[in-house]
Amino acid sequence: LTGWPSIIAVIINYVKRPDARGTWLDTHFGWQIRTFWYTLLWVV
């Protein structure tokens, strides 16, 4: 949640996800984003 590699990864996810819309790869970007946010929710 706080390490710079994961923070950079989430930023990349949000920046590049629109490019993946309409492809099977969009599901991976969503998977990665949900993993981060659900982890944060459970930590809270």
ModelCIF file with pLDDT and N, C-alpha, C, O atoms, coordinates in Angstrom:
data_MODEL
#
_entry.id   MODEL 
#
_entity.id                         1 
_entity.type                       polymer 
_entity.pdbx_number_of_molecules   1 
#
_entity_poly.entity_id                      1 
_entity_poly.type                           'polypeptide(L)' 
_entity_poly.nstd_linkage                   no 
_entity_poly.nstd_monomer                   no 
_entity_poly.pdbx_seq_one_letter_code       LTGWPSIIAVIINYVKRPDARGTWLDTHFGWQIRTFWYTLLWVV 
_entity_poly.pdbx_seq_one_letter_code_can   LTGWPSIIAVIINYVKRPDARGTWLDTHFGWQIRTFWYTLLWVV 
_entity_poly.pdbx_strand_id                 A 
#
loop_
_entity_poly_seq.entity_id 
_entity_poly_seq.num 
_entity_poly_seq.mon_id 
_entity_poly_seq.hetero 
1 1  LEU n 
1 2  THR n 
1 3  GLY n 
1 4  TRP n 
1 5  PRO n 
1 6  SER n 
1 7  ILE n 
1 8  ILE n 
1 9  ALA n 
1 10 VAL n 
1 11 ILE n 
1 12 ILE n 
1 13 ASN n 
1 14 TYR n 
1 15 VAL n 
1 16 LYS n 
1 17 ARG n 
1 18 PRO n 
1 19 ASP n 
1 20 ALA n 
1 21 ARG n 
1 22 GLY n 
1 23 THR n 
1 24 TRP n 
1 25 LEU n 
1 26 ASP n 
1 27 THR n 
1 28 HIS n 
1 29 PHE n 
1 30 GLY n 
1 31 TRP n 
1 32 GLN n 
1 33 ILE n 
1 34 ARG n 
1 35 THR n 
1 36 PHE n 
1 37 TRP n 
1 38 TYR n 
1 39 THR n 
1 40 LEU n 
1 41 LEU n 
1 42 TRP n 
1 43 VAL n 
1 44 VAL n 
#
_struct_asym.id          A 
_struct_asym.entity_id   1 
#
loop_
_ma_qa_metric.id 
_ma_qa_metric.mode 
_ma_qa_metric.name 
_ma_qa_metric.software_group_id 
_ma_qa_metric.type 
1 global pLDDT . pLDDT 
2 local  pLDDT . pLDDT 
#
_ma_qa_metric_global.metric_id      1 
_ma_qa_metric_global.metric_value   93.32 
_ma_qa_metric_global.model_id       1 
_ma_qa_metric_global.ordinal_id     1 
#
loop_
_ma_qa_metric_local.label_asym_id 
_ma_qa_metric_local.label_comp_id 
_ma_qa_metric_local.label_seq_id 
_ma_qa_metric_local.metric_id 
_ma_qa_metric_local.metric_value 
_ma_qa_metric_local.model_id 
_ma_qa_metric_local.ordinal_id 
A LEU 1  2 84.00 1 1  
A THR 2  2 83.00 1 2  
A GLY 3  2 85.00 1 3  
A TRP 4  2 91.00 1 4  
A PRO 5  2 91.00 1 5  
A SER 6  2 91.00 1 6  
A ILE 7  2 93.00 1 7  
A ILE 8  2 95.00 1 8  
A ALA 9  2 95.00 1 9  
A VAL 10 2 95.00 1 10 
A ILE 11 2 96.00 1 11 
A ILE 12 2 96.00 1 12 
A ASN 13 2 95.00 1 13 
A TYR 14 2 96.00 1 14 
A VAL 15 2 96.00 1 15 
A LYS 16 2 95.00 1 16 
A ARG 17 2 94.00 1 17 
A PRO 18 2 95.00 1 18 
A ASP 19 2 94.00 1 19 
A ALA 20 2 93.00 1 20 
A ARG 21 2 93.00 1 21 
A GLY 22 2 91.00 1 22 
A THR 23 2 93.00 1 23 
A TRP 24 2 93.00 1 24 
A LEU 25 2 94.00 1 25 
A ASP 26 2 94.00 1 26 
A THR 27 2 94.00 1 27 
A HIS 28 2 95.00 1 28 
A PHE 29 2 96.00 1 29 
A GLY 30 2 95.00 1 30 
A TRP 31 2 96.00 1 31 
A GLN 32 2 95.00 1 32 
A ILE 33 2 95.00 1 33 
A ARG 34 2 95.00 1 34 
A THR 35 2 95.00 1 35 
A PHE 36 2 94.00 1 36 
A TRP 37 2 95.00 1 37 
A TYR 38 2 95.00 1 38 
A THR 39 2 93.00 1 39 
A LEU 40 2 93.00 1 40 
A LEU 41 2 95.00 1 41 
A TRP 42 2 93.00 1 42 
A VAL 43 2 90.00 1 43 
A VAL 44 2 91.00 1 44 
#
loop_
_atom_site.group_PDB 
_atom_site.id 
_atom_site.type_symbol 
_atom_site.label_atom_id 
_atom_site.label_alt_id 
_atom_site.label_comp_id 
_atom_site.label_asym_id 
_atom_site.label_entity_id 
_atom_site.label_seq_id 
_atom_site.pdbx_PDB_ins_code 
_atom_site.Cartn_x 
_atom_site.Cartn_y 
_atom_site.Cartn_z 
_atom_site.occupancy 
_atom_site.B_iso_or_equiv 
_atom_site.pdbx_formal_charge 
_atom_site.auth_seq_id 
_atom_site.auth_comp_id 
_atom_site.auth_asym_id 
_atom_site.auth_atom_id 
_atom_site.pdbx_PDB_model_num 
ATOM 1   N N  . LEU A 1 1  ? 0.798   -1.229 0.000   1.00 84.00 ? 1  LEU A N  1 
ATOM 2   C CA . LEU A 1 1  ? 0.000   0.000  0.000   1.00 84.00 ? 1  LEU A CA 1 
ATOM 3   C C  . LEU A 1 1  ? 0.827   1.275  0.000   1.00 84.00 ? 1  LEU A C  1 
ATOM 4   O O  . LEU A 1 1  ? 0.391   2.292  -0.540  1.00 84.00 ? 1  LEU A O  1 
ATOM 5   N N  . THR A 1 2  ? 2.010   1.240  0.595   1.00 83.00 ? 2  THR A N  1 
ATOM 6   C CA . THR A 1 2  ? 2.775   2.475  0.736   1.00 83.00 ? 2  THR A CA 1 
ATOM 7   C C  . THR A 1 2  ? 4.117   2.464  0.008   1.00 83.00 ? 2  THR A C  1 
ATOM 8   O O  . THR A 1 2  ? 4.769   3.503  -0.091  1.00 83.00 ? 2  THR A O  1 
ATOM 9   N N  . GLY A 1 3  ? 4.533   1.327  -0.494  1.00 85.00 ? 3  GLY A N  1 
ATOM 10  C CA . GLY A 1 3  ? 5.809   1.265  -1.205  1.00 85.00 ? 3  GLY A CA 1 
ATOM 11  C C  . GLY A 1 3  ? 5.711   1.969  -2.550  1.00 85.00 ? 3  GLY A C  1 
ATOM 12  O O  . GLY A 1 3  ? 4.684   1.897  -3.224  1.00 85.00 ? 3  GLY A O  1 
ATOM 13  N N  . TRP A 1 4  ? 6.781   2.646  -2.933  1.00 91.00 ? 4  TRP A N  1 
ATOM 14  C CA . TRP A 1 4  ? 6.737   3.412  -4.174  1.00 91.00 ? 4  TRP A CA 1 
ATOM 15  C C  . TRP A 1 4  ? 6.502   2.539  -5.405  1.00 91.00 ? 4  TRP A C  1 
ATOM 16  O O  . TRP A 1 4  ? 5.882   3.028  -6.349  1.00 91.00 ? 4  TRP A O  1 
ATOM 17  N N  . PRO A 1 5  ? 6.959   1.259  -5.469  1.00 91.00 ? 5  PRO A N  1 
ATOM 18  C CA . PRO A 1 5  ? 6.639   0.478  -6.666  1.00 91.00 ? 5  PRO A CA 1 
ATOM 19  C C  . PRO A 1 5  ? 5.127   0.293  -6.865  1.00 91.00 ? 5  PRO A C  1 
ATOM 20  O O  . PRO A 1 5  ? 4.632   0.399  -7.987  1.00 91.00 ? 5  PRO A O  1 
ATOM 21  N N  . SER A 1 6  ? 4.403   0.019  -5.788  1.00 91.00 ? 6  SER A N  1 
ATOM 22  C CA . SER A 1 6  ? 2.959   -0.159 -5.924  1.00 91.00 ? 6  SER A CA 1 
ATOM 23  C C  . SER A 1 6  ? 2.233   1.150  -6.206  1.00 91.00 ? 6  SER A C  1 
ATOM 24  O O  . SER A 1 6  ? 1.250   1.167  -6.947  1.00 91.00 ? 6  SER A O  1 
ATOM 25  N N  . ILE A 1 7  ? 2.704   2.233  -5.628  1.00 93.00 ? 7  ILE A N  1 
ATOM 26  C CA . ILE A 1 7  ? 2.089   3.534  -5.901  1.00 93.00 ? 7  ILE A CA 1 
ATOM 27  C C  . ILE A 1 7  ? 2.268   3.878  -7.385  1.00 93.00 ? 7  ILE A C  1 
ATOM 28  O O  . ILE A 1 7  ? 1.330   4.331  -8.041  1.00 93.00 ? 7  ILE A O  1 
ATOM 29  N N  . ILE A 1 8  ? 3.473   3.660  -7.901  1.00 95.00 ? 8  ILE A N  1 
ATOM 30  C CA . ILE A 1 8  ? 3.723   3.901  -9.326  1.00 95.00 ? 8  ILE A CA 1 
ATOM 31  C C  . ILE A 1 8  ? 2.849   2.982  -10.178 1.00 95.00 ? 8  ILE A C  1 
ATOM 32  O O  . ILE A 1 8  ? 2.314   3.407  -11.202 1.00 95.00 ? 8  ILE A O  1 
ATOM 33  N N  . ALA A 1 9  ? 2.704   1.727  -9.757  1.00 95.00 ? 9  ALA A N  1 
ATOM 34  C CA . ALA A 1 9  ? 1.887   0.763  -10.504 1.00 95.00 ? 9  ALA A CA 1 
ATOM 35  C C  . ALA A 1 9  ? 0.434   1.214  -10.592 1.00 95.00 ? 9  ALA A C  1 
ATOM 36  O O  . ALA A 1 9  ? -0.182  1.112  -11.652 1.00 95.00 ? 9  ALA A O  1 
ATOM 37  N N  . VAL A 1 10 ? -0.110  1.703  -9.504  1.00 95.00 ? 10 VAL A N  1 
ATOM 38  C CA . VAL A 1 10 ? -1.512  2.154  -9.517  1.00 95.00 ? 10 VAL A CA 1 
ATOM 39  C C  . VAL A 1 10 ? -1.667  3.387  -10.410 1.00 95.00 ? 10 VAL A C  1 
ATOM 40  O O  . VAL A 1 10 ? -2.658  3.512  -11.130 1.00 95.00 ? 10 VAL A O  1 
ATOM 41  N N  . ILE A 1 11 ? -0.707  4.280  -10.363 1.00 96.00 ? 11 ILE A N  1 
ATOM 42  C CA . ILE A 1 11 ? -0.767  5.457  -11.242 1.00 96.00 ? 11 ILE A CA 1 
ATOM 43  C C  . ILE A 1 11 ? -0.722  5.022  -12.706 1.00 96.00 ? 11 ILE A C  1 
ATOM 44  O O  . ILE A 1 11 ? -1.494  5.517  -13.527 1.00 96.00 ? 11 ILE A O  1 
ATOM 45  N N  . ILE A 1 12 ? 0.185   4.096  -13.032 1.00 96.00 ? 12 ILE A N  1 
ATOM 46  C CA . ILE A 1 12 ? 0.250   3.578  -14.402 1.00 96.00 ? 12 ILE A CA 1 
ATOM 47  C C  . ILE A 1 12 ? -1.076  2.940  -14.793 1.00 96.00 ? 12 ILE A C  1 
ATOM 48  O O  . ILE A 1 12 ? -1.551  3.129  -15.913 1.00 96.00 ? 12 ILE A O  1 
ATOM 49  N N  . ASN A 1 13 ? -1.680  2.178  -13.866 1.00 95.00 ? 13 ASN A N  1 
ATOM 50  C CA . ASN A 1 13 ? -2.983  1.558  -14.140 1.00 95.00 ? 13 ASN A CA 1 
ATOM 51  C C  . ASN A 1 13 ? -4.014  2.592  -14.571 1.00 95.00 ? 13 ASN A C  1 
ATOM 52  O O  . ASN A 1 13 ? -4.690  2.415  -15.584 1.00 95.00 ? 13 ASN A O  1 
ATOM 53  N N  . TYR A 1 14 ? -4.132  3.655  -13.813 1.00 96.00 ? 14 TYR A N  1 
ATOM 54  C CA . TYR A 1 14 ? -5.139  4.668  -14.117 1.00 96.00 ? 14 TYR A CA 1 
ATOM 55  C C  . TYR A 1 14 ? -4.817  5.430  -15.400 1.00 96.00 ? 14 TYR A C  1 
ATOM 56  O O  . TYR A 1 14 ? -5.729  5.821  -16.128 1.00 96.00 ? 14 TYR A O  1 
ATOM 57  N N  . VAL A 1 15 ? -3.547  5.643  -15.684 1.00 96.00 ? 15 VAL A N  1 
ATOM 58  C CA . VAL A 1 15 ? -3.165  6.374  -16.898 1.00 96.00 ? 15 VAL A CA 1 
ATOM 59  C C  . VAL A 1 15 ? -3.382  5.513  -18.149 1.00 96.00 ? 15 VAL A C  1 
ATOM 60  O O  . VAL A 1 15 ? -3.861  6.015  -19.166 1.00 96.00 ? 15 VAL A O  1 
ATOM 61  N N  . LYS A 1 16 ? -3.038  4.240  -18.083 1.00 95.00 ? 16 LYS A N  1 
ATOM 62  C CA . LYS A 1 16 ? -3.078  3.366  -19.259 1.00 95.00 ? 16 LYS A CA 1 
ATOM 63  C C  . LYS A 1 16 ? -4.384  2.593  -19.442 1.00 95.00 ? 16 LYS A C  1 
ATOM 64  O O  . LYS A 1 16 ? -4.620  2.038  -20.515 1.00 95.00 ? 16 LYS A O  1 
ATOM 65  N N  . ARG A 1 17 ? -5.226  2.547  -18.426 1.00 94.00 ? 17 ARG A N  1 
ATOM 66  C CA . ARG A 1 17 ? -6.457  1.756  -18.545 1.00 94.00 ? 17 ARG A CA 1 
ATOM 67  C C  . ARG A 1 17 ? -7.352  2.210  -19.693 1.00 94.00 ? 17 ARG A C  1 
ATOM 68  O O  . ARG A 1 17 ? -7.932  1.355  -20.363 1.00 94.00 ? 17 ARG A O  1 
ATOM 69  N N  . PRO A 1 18 ? -7.497  3.509  -19.957 1.00 95.00 ? 18 PRO A N  1 
ATOM 70  C CA . PRO A 1 18 ? -8.328  3.900  -21.112 1.00 95.00 ? 18 PRO A CA 1 
ATOM 71  C C  . PRO A 1 18 ? -7.827  3.314  -22.436 1.00 95.00 ? 18 PRO A C  1 
ATOM 72  O O  . PRO A 1 18 ? -8.630  3.038  -23.328 1.00 95.00 ? 18 PRO A O  1 
ATOM 73  N N  . ASP A 1 19 ? -6.525  3.122  -22.573 1.00 94.00 ? 19 ASP A N  1 
ATOM 74  C CA . ASP A 1 19 ? -5.977  2.525  -23.796 1.00 94.00 ? 19 ASP A CA 1 
ATOM 75  C C  . ASP A 1 19 ? -6.361  1.059  -23.933 1.00 94.00 ? 19 ASP A C  1 
ATOM 76  O O  . ASP A 1 19 ? -6.377  0.526  -25.043 1.00 94.00 ? 19 ASP A O  1 
ATOM 77  N N  . ALA A 1 20 ? -6.667  0.408  -22.831 1.00 93.00 ? 20 ALA A N  1 
ATOM 78  C CA . ALA A 1 20 ? -6.999  -1.016 -22.844 1.00 93.00 ? 20 ALA A CA 1 
ATOM 79  C C  . ALA A 1 20 ? -8.498  -1.277 -22.990 1.00 93.00 ? 20 ALA A C  1 
ATOM 80  O O  . ALA A 1 20 ? -8.911  -2.428 -23.138 1.00 93.00 ? 20 ALA A O  1 
ATOM 81  N N  . ARG A 1 21 ? -9.306  -0.239 -22.951 1.00 93.00 ? 21 ARG A N  1 
ATOM 82  C CA . ARG A 1 21 ? -10.759 -0.427 -23.059 1.00 93.00 ? 21 ARG A CA 1 
ATOM 83  C C  . ARG A 1 21 ? -11.107 -1.204 -24.333 1.00 93.00 ? 21 ARG A C  1 
ATOM 84  O O  . ARG A 1 21 ? -10.545 -0.960 -25.401 1.00 93.00 ? 21 ARG A O  1 
ATOM 85  N N  . GLY A 1 22 ? -12.035 -2.133 -24.195 1.00 91.00 ? 22 GLY A N  1 
ATOM 86  C CA . GLY A 1 22 ? -12.476 -2.929 -25.335 1.00 91.00 ? 22 GLY A CA 1 
ATOM 87  C C  . GLY A 1 22 ? -11.595 -4.128 -25.629 1.00 91.00 ? 22 GLY A C  1 
ATOM 88  O O  . GLY A 1 22 ? -11.837 -4.848 -26.598 1.00 91.00 ? 22 GLY A O  1 
ATOM 89  N N  . THR A 1 23 ? -10.573 -4.356 -24.806 1.00 93.00 ? 23 THR A N  1 
ATOM 90  C CA . THR A 1 23 ? -9.708  -5.520 -24.985 1.00 93.00 ? 23 THR A CA 1 
ATOM 91  C C  . THR A 1 23 ? -9.760  -6.387 -23.735 1.00 93.00 ? 23 THR A C  1 
ATOM 92  O O  . THR A 1 23 ? -10.252 -5.961 -22.690 1.00 93.00 ? 23 THR A O  1 
ATOM 93  N N  . TRP A 1 24 ? -9.252  -7.598 -23.854 1.00 93.00 ? 24 TRP A N  1 
ATOM 94  C CA . TRP A 1 24 ? -9.197  -8.483 -22.686 1.00 93.00 ? 24 TRP A CA 1 
ATOM 95  C C  . TRP A 1 24 ? -8.233  -7.943 -21.634 1.00 93.00 ? 24 TRP A C  1 
ATOM 96  O O  . TRP A 1 24 ? -8.320  -8.310 -20.463 1.00 93.00 ? 24 TRP A O  1 
ATOM 97  N N  . LEU A 1 25 ? -7.331  -7.086 -22.045 1.00 94.00 ? 25 LEU A N  1 
ATOM 98  C CA . LEU A 1 25 ? -6.357  -6.529 -21.114 1.00 94.00 ? 25 LEU A CA 1 
ATOM 99  C C  . LEU A 1 25 ? -6.994  -5.576 -20.100 1.00 94.00 ? 25 LEU A C  1 
ATOM 100 O O  . LEU A 1 25 ? -6.456  -5.379 -19.010 1.00 94.00 ? 25 LEU A O  1 
ATOM 101 N N  . ASP A 1 26 ? -8.119  -4.997 -20.452 1.00 94.00 ? 26 ASP A N  1 
ATOM 102 C CA . ASP A 1 26 ? -8.829  -4.110 -19.524 1.00 94.00 ? 26 ASP A CA 1 
ATOM 103 C C  . ASP A 1 26 ? -9.169  -4.831 -18.228 1.00 94.00 ? 26 ASP A C  1 
ATOM 104 O O  . ASP A 1 26 ? -9.184  -4.218 -17.160 1.00 94.00 ? 26 ASP A O  1 
ATOM 105 N N  . THR A 1 27 ? -9.440  -6.128 -18.315 1.00 94.00 ? 27 THR A N  1 
ATOM 106 C CA . THR A 1 27 ? -9.765  -6.881 -17.099 1.00 94.00 ? 27 THR A CA 1 
ATOM 107 C C  . THR A 1 27 ? -8.562  -6.959 -16.159 1.00 94.00 ? 27 THR A C  1 
ATOM 108 O O  . THR A 1 27 ? -8.734  -7.006 -14.941 1.00 94.00 ? 27 THR A O  1 
ATOM 109 N N  . HIS A 1 28 ? -7.360  -6.972 -16.705 1.00 95.00 ? 28 HIS A N  1 
ATOM 110 C CA . HIS A 1 28 ? -6.162  -7.001 -15.867 1.00 95.00 ? 28 HIS A CA 1 
ATOM 111 C C  . HIS A 1 28 ? -5.951  -5.666 -15.166 1.00 95.00 ? 28 HIS A C  1 
ATOM 112 O O  . HIS A 1 28 ? -5.593  -5.632 -13.989 1.00 95.00 ? 28 HIS A O  1 
ATOM 113 N N  . PHE A 1 29 ? -6.170  -4.576 -15.874 1.00 96.00 ? 29 PHE A N  1 
ATOM 114 C CA . PHE A 1 29 ? -6.029  -3.269 -15.244 1.00 96.00 ? 29 PHE A CA 1 
ATOM 115 C C  . PHE A 1 29 ? -7.049  -3.114 -14.117 1.00 96.00 ? 29 PHE A C  1 
ATOM 116 O O  . PHE A 1 29 ? -6.722  -2.597 -13.049 1.00 96.00 ? 29 PHE A O  1 
ATOM 117 N N  . GLY A 1 30 ? -8.274  -3.559 -14.352 1.00 95.00 ? 30 GLY A N  1 
ATOM 118 C CA . GLY A 1 30 ? -9.292  -3.529 -13.301 1.00 95.00 ? 30 GLY A CA 1 
ATOM 119 C C  . GLY A 1 30 ? -8.923  -4.420 -12.129 1.00 95.00 ? 30 GLY A C  1 
ATOM 120 O O  . GLY A 1 30 ? -9.111  -4.036 -10.975 1.00 95.00 ? 30 GLY A O  1 
ATOM 121 N N  . TRP A 1 31 ? -8.401  -5.602 -12.412 1.00 96.00 ? 31 TRP A N  1 
ATOM 122 C CA . TRP A 1 31 ? -7.964  -6.554 -11.383 1.00 96.00 ? 31 TRP A CA 1 
ATOM 123 C C  . TRP A 1 31 ? -6.894  -5.933 -10.494 1.00 96.00 ? 31 TRP A C  1 
ATOM 124 O O  . TRP A 1 31 ? -6.952  -6.048 -9.270  1.00 96.00 ? 31 TRP A O  1 
ATOM 125 N N  . GLN A 1 32 ? -5.925  -5.277 -11.109 1.00 95.00 ? 32 GLN A N  1 
ATOM 126 C CA . GLN A 1 32 ? -4.831  -4.660 -10.361 1.00 95.00 ? 32 GLN A CA 1 
ATOM 127 C C  . GLN A 1 32 ? -5.329  -3.490 -9.512  1.00 95.00 ? 32 GLN A C  1 
ATOM 128 O O  . GLN A 1 32 ? -4.931  -3.340 -8.357  1.00 95.00 ? 32 GLN A O  1 
ATOM 129 N N  . ILE A 1 33 ? -6.188  -2.675 -10.082 1.00 95.00 ? 33 ILE A N  1 
ATOM 130 C CA . ILE A 1 33 ? -6.730  -1.524 -9.347  1.00 95.00 ? 33 ILE A CA 1 
ATOM 131 C C  . ILE A 1 33 ? -7.579  -1.995 -8.165  1.00 95.00 ? 33 ILE A C  1 
ATOM 132 O O  . ILE A 1 33 ? -7.449  -1.481 -7.054  1.00 95.00 ? 33 ILE A O  1 
ATOM 133 N N  . ARG A 1 34 ? -8.445  -2.973 -8.413  1.00 95.00 ? 34 ARG A N  1 
ATOM 134 C CA . ARG A 1 34 ? -9.292  -3.490 -7.316  1.00 95.00 ? 34 ARG A CA 1 
ATOM 135 C C  . ARG A 1 34 ? -8.461  -4.129 -6.216  1.00 95.00 ? 34 ARG A C  1 
ATOM 136 O O  . ARG A 1 34 ? -8.784  -3.997 -5.036  1.00 95.00 ? 34 ARG A O  1 
ATOM 137 N N  . THR A 1 35 ? -7.393  -4.819 -6.595  1.00 95.00 ? 35 THR A N  1 
ATOM 138 C CA . THR A 1 35 ? -6.525  -5.422 -5.581  1.00 95.00 ? 35 THR A CA 1 
ATOM 139 C C  . THR A 1 35 ? -5.992  -4.350 -4.639  1.00 95.00 ? 35 THR A C  1 
ATOM 140 O O  . THR A 1 35 ? -6.012  -4.528 -3.421  1.00 95.00 ? 35 THR A O  1 
ATOM 141 N N  . PHE A 1 36 ? -5.521  -3.248 -5.190  1.00 94.00 ? 36 PHE A N  1 
ATOM 142 C CA . PHE A 1 36 ? -4.977  -2.173 -4.371  1.00 94.00 ? 36 PHE A CA 1 
ATOM 143 C C  . PHE A 1 36 ? -6.034  -1.569 -3.455  1.00 94.00 ? 36 PHE A C  1 
ATOM 144 O O  . PHE A 1 36 ? -5.808  -1.433 -2.252  1.00 94.00 ? 36 PHE A O  1 
ATOM 145 N N  . TRP A 1 37 ? -7.187  -1.205 -4.014  1.00 95.00 ? 37 TRP A N  1 
ATOM 146 C CA . TRP A 1 37 ? -8.210  -0.505 -3.215  1.00 95.00 ? 37 TRP A CA 1 
ATOM 147 C C  . TRP A 1 37 ? -8.889  -1.406 -2.192  1.00 95.00 ? 37 TRP A C  1 
ATOM 148 O O  . TRP A 1 37 ? -9.199  -0.956 -1.089  1.00 95.00 ? 37 TRP A O  1 
ATOM 149 N N  . TYR A 1 38 ? -9.127  -2.680 -2.538  1.00 95.00 ? 38 TYR A N  1 
ATOM 150 C CA . TYR A 1 38 ? -9.711  -3.592 -1.542  1.00 95.00 ? 38 TYR A CA 1 
ATOM 151 C C  . TYR A 1 38 ? -8.718  -3.880 -0.419  1.00 95.00 ? 38 TYR A C  1 
ATOM 152 O O  . TYR A 1 38 ? -9.117  -4.045 0.734   1.00 95.00 ? 38 TYR A O  1 
ATOM 153 N N  . THR A 1 39 ? -7.441  -3.940 -0.745  1.00 93.00 ? 39 THR A N  1 
ATOM 154 C CA . THR A 1 39 ? -6.429  -4.105 0.297   1.00 93.00 ? 39 THR A CA 1 
ATOM 155 C C  . THR A 1 39 ? -6.463  -2.916 1.242   1.00 93.00 ? 39 THR A C  1 
ATOM 156 O O  . THR A 1 39 ? -6.434  -3.089 2.460   1.00 93.00 ? 39 THR A O  1 
ATOM 157 N N  . LEU A 1 40 ? -6.524  -1.722 0.694   1.00 93.00 ? 40 LEU A N  1 
ATOM 158 C CA . LEU A 1 40 ? -6.600  -0.522 1.528   1.00 93.00 ? 40 LEU A CA 1 
ATOM 159 C C  . LEU A 1 40 ? -7.845  -0.551 2.411   1.00 93.00 ? 40 LEU A C  1 
ATOM 160 O O  . LEU A 1 40 ? -7.772  -0.229 3.596   1.00 93.00 ? 40 LEU A O  1 
ATOM 161 N N  . LEU A 1 41 ? -8.978  -0.932 1.844   1.00 95.00 ? 41 LEU A N  1 
ATOM 162 C CA . LEU A 1 41 ? -10.223 -1.002 2.618   1.00 95.00 ? 41 LEU A CA 1 
ATOM 163 C C  . LEU A 1 41 ? -10.073 -1.959 3.800   1.00 95.00 ? 41 LEU A C  1 
ATOM 164 O O  . LEU A 1 41 ? -10.446 -1.612 4.921   1.00 95.00 ? 41 LEU A O  1 
ATOM 165 N N  . TRP A 1 42 ? -9.538  -3.149 3.570   1.00 93.00 ? 42 TRP A N  1 
ATOM 166 C CA . TRP A 1 42 ? -9.404  -4.132 4.646   1.00 93.00 ? 42 TRP A CA 1 
ATOM 167 C C  . TRP A 1 42 ? -8.367  -3.723 5.679   1.00 93.00 ? 42 TRP A C  1 
ATOM 168 O O  . TRP A 1 42 ? -8.493  -4.062 6.856   1.00 93.00 ? 42 TRP A O  1 
ATOM 169 N N  . VAL A 1 43 ? -7.351  -3.002 5.251   1.00 90.00 ? 43 VAL A N  1 
ATOM 170 C CA . VAL A 1 43 ? -6.374  -2.497 6.219   1.00 90.00 ? 43 VAL A CA 1 
ATOM 171 C C  . VAL A 1 43 ? -7.021  -1.451 7.118   1.00 90.00 ? 43 VAL A C  1 
ATOM 172 O O  . VAL A 1 43 ? -6.775  -1.435 8.324   1.00 90.00 ? 43 VAL A O  1 
ATOM 173 N N  . VAL A 1 44 ? -7.841  -0.582 6.547   1.00 91.00 ? 44 VAL A N  1 
ATOM 174 C CA . VAL A 1 44 ? -8.551  0.416  7.364   1.00 91.00 ? 44 VAL A CA 1 
ATOM 175 C C  . VAL A 1 44 ? -9.449  -0.290 8.382   1.00 91.00 ? 44 VAL A C  1 
ATOM 176 O O  . VAL A 1 44 ? -10.131 0.370  9.165   1.00 91.00 ? 44 VAL A O  1 
#
